[in-house]
Amino acid sequence: MVGLILKQNKSNKVVSVEGFIANPKNPKLKAQTRFVVDTGASGCVVSKKLAKQLKLEEVGRAEAELADGRVVDFPFAYVCITICEKPVITLVAVSDSDADSTLLGFDVMEVLELQIDVKNRKLLKPIKWLKIGKLTMLKPWPRAKKR
């Protein structure tokens, strides 16, 4: 797997990765953002400020449980998230916050085939191609017997 260095804040509690988020109906409306990686969250959350900037269309509302146990009603919208040059279209909750943080949940990480190497603080993605320069046989292949 190819590693991407994750950024951490000064308290070493928040891990984030750079990526892009776009309006799937108008891909020209996109923004580079720092995704806060949250393996405890199933979905993704964007700020109201970013949703307005990308002109995201609300497609519904639903209740979601927060980490502290509170249940909050969120509007939902479709976005295209691109990390490591791999895009995925997914639903995101739009928070009331105007903060610049965007939450990347585990379900989307799984679709993007991303994993976290906690020990080395890296985000891992699968290798697309493996090129073998030289192959050496350690044991000769058995030759077919002539009949």
Foldseek 3Di string as FASTA:
>chain_A
DDWDAWDADPVRPWTWDWWKKAAPVDRVQMDIAIATEDAPDAAKEFEPQSCVSRVFDFPAWDWDADPVGDIDIFTKTWMWIADPNDIDIDIYTYDPDPDRYMYHYDNVCVVQQWDAPVVNRIIDHDDPDDDDDDDDDPDDDDDDDDD
